[in-house]
Amino acid sequence: MPLTREHFLEILRARPRKEELQKYSNNPDYHQYLREVCLSNDQQINWRAAWLLADLPAKDLQQIFPSAQILIELLATPQKDGYLREIVKIINQLELNEDEEGLFYEAALKLWENLAMASATRIHAIRSLFKIAEVYPELKLELEAYNDDYYFQGLSPGIARQIRKLFAGLS
C-alpha cells in the first residue's frame, strides 16, 4: 500500500540514502508525488525529487512530464545550481517539440553564460546545446562564439578539457 503524500514528504526530508529513495522513485505510485515536489518551491527537497527523477528511464519521464515546458521555465527562475543541473538532466531525456527545443536552447545558453553557476550545471547545459545543435546544424556556428577562454573561467581543468573536446567536434 503506497504511503500518503505527507509521509512521503517526511521521508524525503529525512535525507535517507539514495538506495532507500529509489524504491519509491522506481514505483509508479510515487511518480506524481515526485513530480509535485520537483516542481515545488521547497528548496529543501525539490532538488532531491529532481535528482531521483533524473535517474528514471526516459519513457517514465515522458509520462510524468508529457510537456517539457514547465521544466524549461524553471531554468529561468532563481534556484540552487544542483537543482537546475537535475532539471537539465531530466529535460535531456524528454522528447521535445521544436518550440521546446528553442526554449531549452535559450535557457541552457543562459546557464552556460552564467560564470557564477556551478561547473557541473554548466557542463550539462553546454552538452544540451551541442545535442540540439546536432538536430539544427546552423546552431553550430553560433556555439563557436562560446569557445572562448572567458567562458572557461572557474571550470576545473578536467571539465574544461571535456568541453573543449565538444567544441573540437563541431567542425
N, C-alpha and C. Protein backbone atom coordinates (compact mmCIF):
# COMPACT_ATOMS: atom_id res chain seq x y z
N MET A 1 0.84 -1.18 0.00
CA MET A 1 0.00 0.00 0.00
C MET A 1 0.89 1.24 0.00
N PRO A 2 0.66 2.15 -0.94
CA PRO A 2 1.51 3.35 -1.04
C PRO A 2 1.39 4.24 0.21
N LEU A 3 2.47 4.95 0.45
CA LEU A 3 2.49 5.91 1.55
C LEU A 3 1.63 7.12 1.19
N THR A 4 1.19 7.82 2.20
CA THR A 4 0.48 9.07 1.95
C THR A 4 1.48 10.10 1.46
N ARG A 5 1.00 11.12 0.86
CA ARG A 5 1.86 12.20 0.36
C ARG A 5 2.68 12.79 1.50
N GLU A 6 2.05 13.03 2.63
CA GLU A 6 2.73 13.64 3.78
C GLU A 6 3.86 12.75 4.30
N HIS A 7 3.59 11.45 4.38
CA HIS A 7 4.63 10.52 4.85
C HIS A 7 5.79 10.46 3.85
N PHE A 8 5.46 10.49 2.58
CA PHE A 8 6.48 10.50 1.55
C PHE A 8 7.36 11.75 1.66
N LEU A 9 6.74 12.90 1.90
CA LEU A 9 7.50 14.14 2.07
C LEU A 9 8.41 14.05 3.30
N GLU A 10 7.94 13.45 4.36
CA GLU A 10 8.77 13.26 5.57
C GLU A 10 10.00 12.43 5.23
N ILE A 11 9.80 11.39 4.45
CA ILE A 11 10.93 10.53 4.06
C ILE A 11 11.95 11.33 3.25
N LEU A 12 11.47 12.14 2.31
CA LEU A 12 12.40 12.97 1.52
C LEU A 12 13.17 13.94 2.41
N ARG A 13 12.50 14.52 3.38
CA ARG A 13 13.16 15.48 4.29
C ARG A 13 14.16 14.80 5.22
N ALA A 14 13.96 13.52 5.49
CA ALA A 14 14.84 12.80 6.41
C ALA A 14 16.20 12.49 5.78
N ARG A 15 16.33 12.71 4.48
CA ARG A 15 17.58 12.52 3.76
C ARG A 15 18.14 11.10 3.85
N PRO A 16 17.31 10.11 3.54
CA PRO A 16 17.84 8.73 3.54
C PRO A 16 18.79 8.52 2.37
N ARG A 17 19.44 7.40 2.38
CA ARG A 17 20.37 7.06 1.30
C ARG A 17 19.60 6.92 -0.01
N LYS A 18 20.31 7.13 -1.10
CA LYS A 18 19.68 7.10 -2.42
C LYS A 18 19.01 5.74 -2.68
N GLU A 19 19.64 4.66 -2.24
CA GLU A 19 19.09 3.33 -2.46
C GLU A 19 17.71 3.21 -1.81
N GLU A 20 17.55 3.81 -0.64
CA GLU A 20 16.27 3.79 0.07
C GLU A 20 15.22 4.58 -0.73
N LEU A 21 15.62 5.72 -1.24
CA LEU A 21 14.69 6.56 -2.00
C LEU A 21 14.32 5.93 -3.35
N GLN A 22 15.23 5.17 -3.92
CA GLN A 22 14.97 4.60 -5.23
C GLN A 22 13.83 3.58 -5.21
N LYS A 23 13.59 2.95 -4.07
CA LYS A 23 12.47 2.01 -4.03
C LYS A 23 11.14 2.75 -4.21
N TYR A 24 11.13 4.04 -3.88
CA TYR A 24 9.94 4.85 -4.11
C TYR A 24 9.93 5.41 -5.53
N SER A 25 11.08 5.92 -5.97
CA SER A 25 11.11 6.53 -7.30
C SER A 25 10.89 5.50 -8.40
N ASN A 26 11.25 4.26 -8.16
CA ASN A 26 11.03 3.21 -9.15
C ASN A 26 9.59 2.70 -9.16
N ASN A 27 8.80 3.12 -8.19
CA ASN A 27 7.42 2.69 -8.08
C ASN A 27 6.51 3.78 -8.67
N PRO A 28 5.78 3.47 -9.74
CA PRO A 28 4.91 4.47 -10.38
C PRO A 28 3.89 5.11 -9.43
N ASP A 29 3.56 4.44 -8.32
CA ASP A 29 2.62 5.02 -7.36
C ASP A 29 3.14 6.34 -6.78
N TYR A 30 4.45 6.55 -6.83
CA TYR A 30 5.05 7.75 -6.24
C TYR A 30 5.47 8.79 -7.27
N HIS A 31 5.30 8.50 -8.53
CA HIS A 31 5.74 9.44 -9.57
C HIS A 31 5.03 10.79 -9.48
N GLN A 32 3.75 10.79 -9.19
CA GLN A 32 3.01 12.05 -9.08
C GLN A 32 3.55 12.87 -7.90
N TYR A 33 3.85 12.22 -6.78
CA TYR A 33 4.42 12.92 -5.63
C TYR A 33 5.76 13.53 -6.01
N LEU A 34 6.59 12.74 -6.69
CA LEU A 34 7.91 13.25 -7.09
C LEU A 34 7.77 14.44 -8.03
N ARG A 35 6.82 14.36 -8.94
CA ARG A 35 6.59 15.48 -9.86
C ARG A 35 6.19 16.73 -9.09
N GLU A 36 5.25 16.58 -8.18
CA GLU A 36 4.78 17.73 -7.38
C GLU A 36 5.91 18.36 -6.58
N VAL A 37 6.70 17.51 -5.94
CA VAL A 37 7.81 18.03 -5.12
C VAL A 37 8.86 18.68 -6.01
N CYS A 38 9.16 18.04 -7.12
CA CYS A 38 10.16 18.57 -8.06
C CYS A 38 9.77 19.97 -8.53
N LEU A 39 8.50 20.18 -8.78
CA LEU A 39 8.03 21.46 -9.28
C LEU A 39 7.72 22.47 -8.17
N SER A 40 7.87 22.06 -6.93
CA SER A 40 7.54 22.94 -5.81
C SER A 40 8.66 23.95 -5.54
N ASN A 41 8.37 24.90 -4.68
CA ASN A 41 9.36 25.90 -4.28
C ASN A 41 10.13 25.48 -3.04
N ASP A 42 9.91 24.28 -2.57
CA ASP A 42 10.57 23.79 -1.36
C ASP A 42 12.00 23.39 -1.70
N GLN A 43 12.93 24.34 -1.54
CA GLN A 43 14.31 24.10 -1.95
C GLN A 43 15.03 23.09 -1.06
N GLN A 44 14.40 22.71 0.03
CA GLN A 44 15.00 21.68 0.88
C GLN A 44 14.88 20.31 0.21
N ILE A 45 13.79 20.09 -0.52
CA ILE A 45 13.58 18.76 -1.09
C ILE A 45 13.29 18.74 -2.60
N ASN A 46 13.04 19.88 -3.23
CA ASN A 46 12.72 19.83 -4.66
C ASN A 46 13.90 19.29 -5.48
N TRP A 47 15.12 19.62 -5.07
CA TRP A 47 16.29 19.12 -5.79
C TRP A 47 16.41 17.60 -5.63
N ARG A 48 16.02 17.09 -4.45
CA ARG A 48 16.12 15.65 -4.20
C ARG A 48 15.13 14.91 -5.10
N ALA A 49 13.94 15.46 -5.27
CA ALA A 49 12.95 14.85 -6.16
C ALA A 49 13.46 14.89 -7.60
N ALA A 50 14.03 16.01 -8.01
CA ALA A 50 14.58 16.13 -9.37
C ALA A 50 15.73 15.13 -9.57
N TRP A 51 16.54 14.96 -8.55
CA TRP A 51 17.68 14.04 -8.58
C TRP A 51 17.19 12.61 -8.78
N LEU A 52 16.13 12.25 -8.10
CA LEU A 52 15.56 10.91 -8.25
C LEU A 52 14.90 10.74 -9.63
N LEU A 53 14.18 11.75 -10.05
CA LEU A 53 13.52 11.68 -11.36
C LEU A 53 14.53 11.56 -12.49
N ALA A 54 15.66 12.25 -12.38
CA ALA A 54 16.67 12.24 -13.44
C ALA A 54 17.22 10.84 -13.71
N ASP A 55 17.08 9.94 -12.73
CA ASP A 55 17.57 8.57 -12.90
C ASP A 55 16.53 7.63 -13.51
N LEU A 56 15.32 8.10 -13.68
CA LEU A 56 14.28 7.24 -14.25
C LEU A 56 14.48 7.06 -15.75
N PRO A 57 13.96 5.97 -16.29
CA PRO A 57 14.04 5.78 -17.75
C PRO A 57 13.26 6.88 -18.48
N ALA A 58 13.69 7.18 -19.67
CA ALA A 58 13.07 8.25 -20.47
C ALA A 58 11.57 8.03 -20.67
N LYS A 59 11.16 6.78 -20.86
CA LYS A 59 9.72 6.52 -21.09
C LYS A 59 8.90 6.88 -19.85
N ASP A 60 9.44 6.64 -18.67
CA ASP A 60 8.73 7.03 -17.44
C ASP A 60 8.69 8.54 -17.30
N LEU A 61 9.81 9.20 -17.61
CA LEU A 61 9.85 10.66 -17.52
C LEU A 61 8.88 11.30 -18.51
N GLN A 62 8.75 10.71 -19.67
CA GLN A 62 7.83 11.26 -20.67
C GLN A 62 6.39 11.18 -20.16
N GLN A 63 6.06 10.16 -19.40
CA GLN A 63 4.71 10.05 -18.83
C GLN A 63 4.53 11.05 -17.68
N ILE A 64 5.57 11.25 -16.91
CA ILE A 64 5.49 12.17 -15.77
C ILE A 64 5.43 13.61 -16.26
N PHE A 65 6.21 13.91 -17.30
CA PHE A 65 6.26 15.25 -17.89
C PHE A 65 5.94 15.16 -19.38
N PRO A 66 4.64 15.07 -19.74
CA PRO A 66 4.30 14.98 -21.16
C PRO A 66 4.76 16.19 -21.96
N SER A 67 4.89 17.33 -21.29
CA SER A 67 5.42 18.54 -21.91
C SER A 67 6.60 19.01 -21.06
N ALA A 68 7.66 19.41 -21.73
CA ALA A 68 8.85 19.89 -21.01
C ALA A 68 8.75 21.37 -20.67
N GLN A 69 7.74 22.04 -21.15
CA GLN A 69 7.61 23.49 -20.99
C GLN A 69 7.79 23.94 -19.53
N ILE A 70 7.11 23.28 -18.60
CA ILE A 70 7.16 23.70 -17.21
C ILE A 70 8.57 23.55 -16.64
N LEU A 71 9.28 22.52 -17.06
CA LEU A 71 10.66 22.33 -16.60
C LEU A 71 11.59 23.38 -17.20
N ILE A 72 11.40 23.67 -18.47
CA ILE A 72 12.23 24.68 -19.14
C ILE A 72 12.04 26.04 -18.47
N GLU A 73 10.82 26.36 -18.11
CA GLU A 73 10.54 27.63 -17.43
C GLU A 73 11.25 27.71 -16.08
N LEU A 74 11.41 26.57 -15.41
CA LEU A 74 12.11 26.55 -14.12
C LEU A 74 13.57 27.00 -14.26
N LEU A 75 14.16 26.75 -15.42
CA LEU A 75 15.57 27.09 -15.62
C LEU A 75 15.81 28.60 -15.58
N ALA A 76 14.76 29.38 -15.74
CA ALA A 76 14.90 30.84 -15.73
C ALA A 76 14.58 31.43 -14.35
N THR A 77 14.28 30.58 -13.38
CA THR A 77 13.95 31.07 -12.04
C THR A 77 15.15 30.92 -11.13
N PRO A 78 15.24 31.78 -10.11
CA PRO A 78 16.37 31.66 -9.19
C PRO A 78 16.25 30.37 -8.37
N GLN A 79 17.15 29.46 -8.61
CA GLN A 79 17.16 28.17 -7.93
C GLN A 79 18.60 27.81 -7.61
N LYS A 80 18.76 26.79 -6.78
CA LYS A 80 20.10 26.29 -6.49
C LYS A 80 20.67 25.59 -7.72
N ASP A 81 21.98 25.69 -7.87
CA ASP A 81 22.65 25.12 -9.04
C ASP A 81 22.38 23.63 -9.21
N GLY A 82 22.44 22.87 -8.13
CA GLY A 82 22.25 21.42 -8.21
C GLY A 82 20.86 21.06 -8.70
N TYR A 83 19.88 21.83 -8.28
CA TYR A 83 18.50 21.61 -8.74
C TYR A 83 18.40 21.86 -10.24
N LEU A 84 18.99 22.95 -10.69
CA LEU A 84 18.95 23.27 -12.12
C LEU A 84 19.67 22.20 -12.94
N ARG A 85 20.78 21.69 -12.41
CA ARG A 85 21.50 20.62 -13.11
C ARG A 85 20.59 19.40 -13.31
N GLU A 86 19.87 19.02 -12.26
CA GLU A 86 18.99 17.85 -12.36
C GLU A 86 17.83 18.11 -13.31
N ILE A 87 17.32 19.33 -13.34
CA ILE A 87 16.24 19.68 -14.28
C ILE A 87 16.76 19.56 -15.71
N VAL A 88 17.96 20.03 -15.97
CA VAL A 88 18.56 19.90 -17.31
C VAL A 88 18.68 18.42 -17.68
N LYS A 89 19.11 17.60 -16.74
CA LYS A 89 19.25 16.17 -17.00
C LYS A 89 17.90 15.53 -17.34
N ILE A 90 16.85 15.95 -16.65
CA ILE A 90 15.51 15.43 -16.95
C ILE A 90 15.08 15.85 -18.36
N ILE A 91 15.23 17.14 -18.65
CA ILE A 91 14.81 17.66 -19.96
C ILE A 91 15.54 16.94 -21.09
N ASN A 92 16.81 16.64 -20.87
CA ASN A 92 17.59 15.96 -21.91
C ASN A 92 17.05 14.58 -22.25
N GLN A 93 16.28 14.00 -21.37
CA GLN A 93 15.72 12.67 -21.63
C GLN A 93 14.33 12.72 -22.29
N LEU A 94 13.74 13.91 -22.32
CA LEU A 94 12.39 14.05 -22.86
C LEU A 94 12.42 14.30 -24.36
N GLU A 95 11.36 13.89 -25.02
CA GLU A 95 11.19 14.23 -26.43
C GLU A 95 10.61 15.64 -26.48
N LEU A 96 11.35 16.53 -27.10
CA LEU A 96 10.93 17.93 -27.17
C LEU A 96 10.39 18.25 -28.56
N ASN A 97 9.36 19.09 -28.58
CA ASN A 97 8.91 19.58 -29.88
C ASN A 97 9.82 20.74 -30.27
N GLU A 98 9.63 21.27 -31.46
CA GLU A 98 10.51 22.32 -31.98
C GLU A 98 10.51 23.57 -31.09
N ASP A 99 9.34 23.97 -30.61
CA ASP A 99 9.26 25.15 -29.73
C ASP A 99 10.01 24.91 -28.43
N GLU A 100 9.82 23.71 -27.85
CA GLU A 100 10.51 23.38 -26.60
C GLU A 100 12.02 23.33 -26.80
N GLU A 101 12.45 22.83 -27.95
CA GLU A 101 13.88 22.80 -28.23
C GLU A 101 14.45 24.22 -28.25
N GLY A 102 13.72 25.13 -28.88
CA GLY A 102 14.17 26.52 -28.94
C GLY A 102 14.24 27.16 -27.56
N LEU A 103 13.21 26.94 -26.77
CA LEU A 103 13.19 27.49 -25.40
C LEU A 103 14.29 26.86 -24.54
N PHE A 104 14.48 25.57 -24.69
CA PHE A 104 15.52 24.88 -23.93
C PHE A 104 16.90 25.36 -24.34
N TYR A 105 17.10 25.57 -25.63
CA TYR A 105 18.38 26.07 -26.11
C TYR A 105 18.70 27.41 -25.46
N GLU A 106 17.73 28.31 -25.46
CA GLU A 106 17.93 29.64 -24.86
C GLU A 106 18.22 29.54 -23.36
N ALA A 107 17.48 28.69 -22.67
CA ALA A 107 17.67 28.54 -21.22
C ALA A 107 19.03 27.92 -20.91
N ALA A 108 19.41 26.90 -21.67
CA ALA A 108 20.71 26.26 -21.46
C ALA A 108 21.86 27.22 -21.77
N LEU A 109 21.67 28.05 -22.78
CA LEU A 109 22.68 29.04 -23.14
C LEU A 109 22.90 30.02 -21.98
N LYS A 110 21.82 30.44 -21.35
CA LYS A 110 21.94 31.35 -20.20
C LYS A 110 22.69 30.68 -19.04
N LEU A 111 22.44 29.39 -18.84
CA LEU A 111 23.17 28.66 -17.79
C LEU A 111 24.66 28.61 -18.12
N TRP A 112 24.99 28.32 -19.37
CA TRP A 112 26.40 28.26 -19.79
C TRP A 112 27.07 29.62 -19.63
N GLU A 113 26.36 30.68 -19.95
CA GLU A 113 26.94 32.03 -19.88
C GLU A 113 27.13 32.51 -18.44
N ASN A 114 26.42 31.93 -17.50
CA ASN A 114 26.49 32.35 -16.10
C ASN A 114 27.72 31.75 -15.44
N LEU A 115 28.79 32.53 -15.37
CA LEU A 115 30.06 32.04 -14.81
C LEU A 115 29.96 31.74 -13.31
N ALA A 116 28.97 32.28 -12.64
CA ALA A 116 28.79 32.02 -11.21
C ALA A 116 28.12 30.67 -10.97
N MET A 117 27.58 30.09 -12.00
CA MET A 117 26.88 28.80 -11.89
C MET A 117 27.91 27.70 -11.65
N ALA A 118 27.52 26.69 -10.90
CA ALA A 118 28.41 25.55 -10.64
C ALA A 118 28.82 24.91 -11.96
N SER A 119 30.07 24.48 -12.02
CA SER A 119 30.58 23.92 -13.27
C SER A 119 29.82 22.67 -13.70
N ALA A 120 29.34 21.87 -12.75
CA ALA A 120 28.56 20.67 -13.11
C ALA A 120 27.27 21.06 -13.83
N THR A 121 26.66 22.14 -13.41
CA THR A 121 25.44 22.61 -14.06
C THR A 121 25.78 23.15 -15.44
N ARG A 122 26.85 23.90 -15.53
CA ARG A 122 27.25 24.49 -16.81
C ARG A 122 27.61 23.42 -17.84
N ILE A 123 28.27 22.34 -17.41
CA ILE A 123 28.66 21.31 -18.38
C ILE A 123 27.42 20.57 -18.90
N HIS A 124 26.43 20.36 -18.05
CA HIS A 124 25.19 19.73 -18.54
C HIS A 124 24.48 20.67 -19.52
N ALA A 125 24.54 21.96 -19.23
CA ALA A 125 23.91 22.94 -20.12
C ALA A 125 24.59 22.96 -21.48
N ILE A 126 25.91 22.99 -21.51
CA ILE A 126 26.62 23.05 -22.80
C ILE A 126 26.44 21.76 -23.59
N ARG A 127 26.39 20.63 -22.89
CA ARG A 127 26.13 19.37 -23.59
C ARG A 127 24.75 19.40 -24.24
N SER A 128 23.80 20.01 -23.56
CA SER A 128 22.45 20.15 -24.11
C SER A 128 22.48 20.99 -25.37
N LEU A 129 23.26 22.05 -25.35
CA LEU A 129 23.38 22.92 -26.53
C LEU A 129 23.94 22.14 -27.71
N PHE A 130 24.94 21.33 -27.46
CA PHE A 130 25.53 20.53 -28.53
C PHE A 130 24.55 19.49 -29.05
N LYS A 131 23.77 18.93 -28.16
CA LYS A 131 22.76 17.93 -28.55
C LYS A 131 21.73 18.57 -29.49
N ILE A 132 21.29 19.77 -29.16
CA ILE A 132 20.32 20.48 -30.00
C ILE A 132 20.97 20.89 -31.32
N ALA A 133 22.23 21.28 -31.27
CA ALA A 133 22.94 21.68 -32.49
C ALA A 133 23.12 20.52 -33.46
N GLU A 134 23.08 19.30 -32.96
CA GLU A 134 23.14 18.14 -33.86
C GLU A 134 21.89 18.07 -34.72
N VAL A 135 20.76 18.49 -34.16
CA VAL A 135 19.49 18.49 -34.89
C VAL A 135 19.40 19.71 -35.81
N TYR A 136 19.96 20.83 -35.35
CA TYR A 136 19.93 22.09 -36.10
C TYR A 136 21.36 22.55 -36.34
N PRO A 137 22.03 22.01 -37.37
CA PRO A 137 23.45 22.30 -37.60
C PRO A 137 23.80 23.78 -37.73
N GLU A 138 22.82 24.62 -38.11
CA GLU A 138 23.10 26.05 -38.22
C GLU A 138 23.48 26.66 -36.87
N LEU A 139 23.14 25.99 -35.78
CA LEU A 139 23.48 26.50 -34.44
C LEU A 139 24.94 26.25 -34.09
N LYS A 140 25.59 25.37 -34.81
CA LYS A 140 26.99 25.07 -34.52
C LYS A 140 27.86 26.32 -34.65
N LEU A 141 27.58 27.13 -35.65
CA LEU A 141 28.34 28.36 -35.85
C LEU A 141 28.13 29.31 -34.67
N GLU A 142 26.89 29.41 -34.19
CA GLU A 142 26.60 30.25 -33.03
C GLU A 142 27.34 29.74 -31.79
N LEU A 143 27.40 28.43 -31.63
CA LEU A 143 28.08 27.86 -30.47
C LEU A 143 29.58 28.18 -30.47
N GLU A 144 30.17 28.27 -31.65
CA GLU A 144 31.60 28.58 -31.76
C GLU A 144 31.97 29.83 -30.97
N ALA A 145 31.05 30.80 -30.91
CA ALA A 145 31.33 32.05 -30.20
C ALA A 145 31.55 31.82 -28.70
N TYR A 146 31.09 30.70 -28.19
CA TYR A 146 31.22 30.40 -26.76
C TYR A 146 32.45 29.56 -26.45
N ASN A 147 33.26 29.31 -27.48
CA ASN A 147 34.52 28.61 -27.30
C ASN A 147 35.61 29.65 -27.07
N ASP A 148 35.46 30.35 -25.98
CA ASP A 148 36.34 31.46 -25.63
C ASP A 148 36.81 31.24 -24.19
N ASP A 149 38.06 31.60 -23.92
CA ASP A 149 38.60 31.42 -22.57
C ASP A 149 37.73 32.07 -21.50
N TYR A 150 37.03 33.14 -21.85
CA TYR A 150 36.16 33.82 -20.89
C TYR A 150 35.16 32.84 -20.27
N TYR A 151 34.57 31.98 -21.08
CA TYR A 151 33.54 31.05 -20.61
C TYR A 151 34.11 29.85 -19.87
N PHE A 152 35.42 29.72 -19.90
CA PHE A 152 36.06 28.59 -19.21
C PHE A 152 36.56 28.97 -17.83
N GLN A 153 36.32 30.23 -17.44
CA GLN A 153 36.72 30.69 -16.11
C GLN A 153 35.98 29.89 -15.05
N GLY A 154 36.70 29.48 -14.03
CA GLY A 154 36.09 28.78 -12.90
C GLY A 154 35.85 27.30 -13.13
N LEU A 155 36.15 26.82 -14.32
CA LEU A 155 35.97 25.39 -14.59
C LEU A 155 37.24 24.64 -14.22
N SER A 156 37.08 23.45 -13.72
CA SER A 156 38.25 22.63 -13.40
C SER A 156 38.92 22.25 -14.72
N PRO A 157 40.21 21.93 -14.68
CA PRO A 157 40.89 21.54 -15.92
C PRO A 157 40.21 20.34 -16.60
N GLY A 158 39.72 19.39 -15.83
CA GLY A 158 39.06 18.21 -16.40
C GLY A 158 37.78 18.57 -17.14
N ILE A 159 36.96 19.40 -16.53
CA ILE A 159 35.70 19.80 -17.17
C ILE A 159 36.00 20.68 -18.38
N ALA A 160 36.96 21.58 -18.25
CA ALA A 160 37.32 22.43 -19.38
C ALA A 160 37.80 21.57 -20.56
N ARG A 161 38.56 20.53 -20.27
CA ARG A 161 39.06 19.63 -21.32
C ARG A 161 37.88 18.92 -22.02
N GLN A 162 36.90 18.47 -21.23
CA GLN A 162 35.72 17.82 -21.81
C GLN A 162 34.97 18.76 -22.75
N ILE A 163 34.82 20.00 -22.33
CA ILE A 163 34.07 20.97 -23.12
C ILE A 163 34.86 21.34 -24.38
N ARG A 164 36.16 21.48 -24.25
CA ARG A 164 36.98 21.80 -25.43
C ARG A 164 36.88 20.67 -26.47
N LYS A 165 36.77 19.42 -26.00
CA LYS A 165 36.59 18.30 -26.93
C LYS A 165 35.25 18.43 -27.67
N LEU A 166 34.22 18.87 -26.96
CA LEU A 166 32.93 19.09 -27.62
C LEU A 166 33.08 20.13 -28.72
N PHE A 167 33.75 21.23 -28.40
CA PHE A 167 33.94 22.29 -29.38
C PHE A 167 34.79 21.81 -30.55
N ALA A 168 35.79 20.98 -30.27
CA ALA A 168 36.65 20.46 -31.35
C ALA A 168 35.85 19.60 -32.31
N GLY A 169 34.79 18.96 -31.83
CA GLY A 169 33.97 18.13 -32.68
C GLY A 169 32.93 18.88 -33.50
N LEU A 170 32.88 20.20 -33.36
CA LEU A 170 31.89 21.00 -34.10
C LEU A 170 32.13 21.00 -35.59
N SER A 171 33.40 20.95 -35.98
CA SER A 171 33.69 21.10 -37.41
C SER A 171 33.48 19.83 -38.19
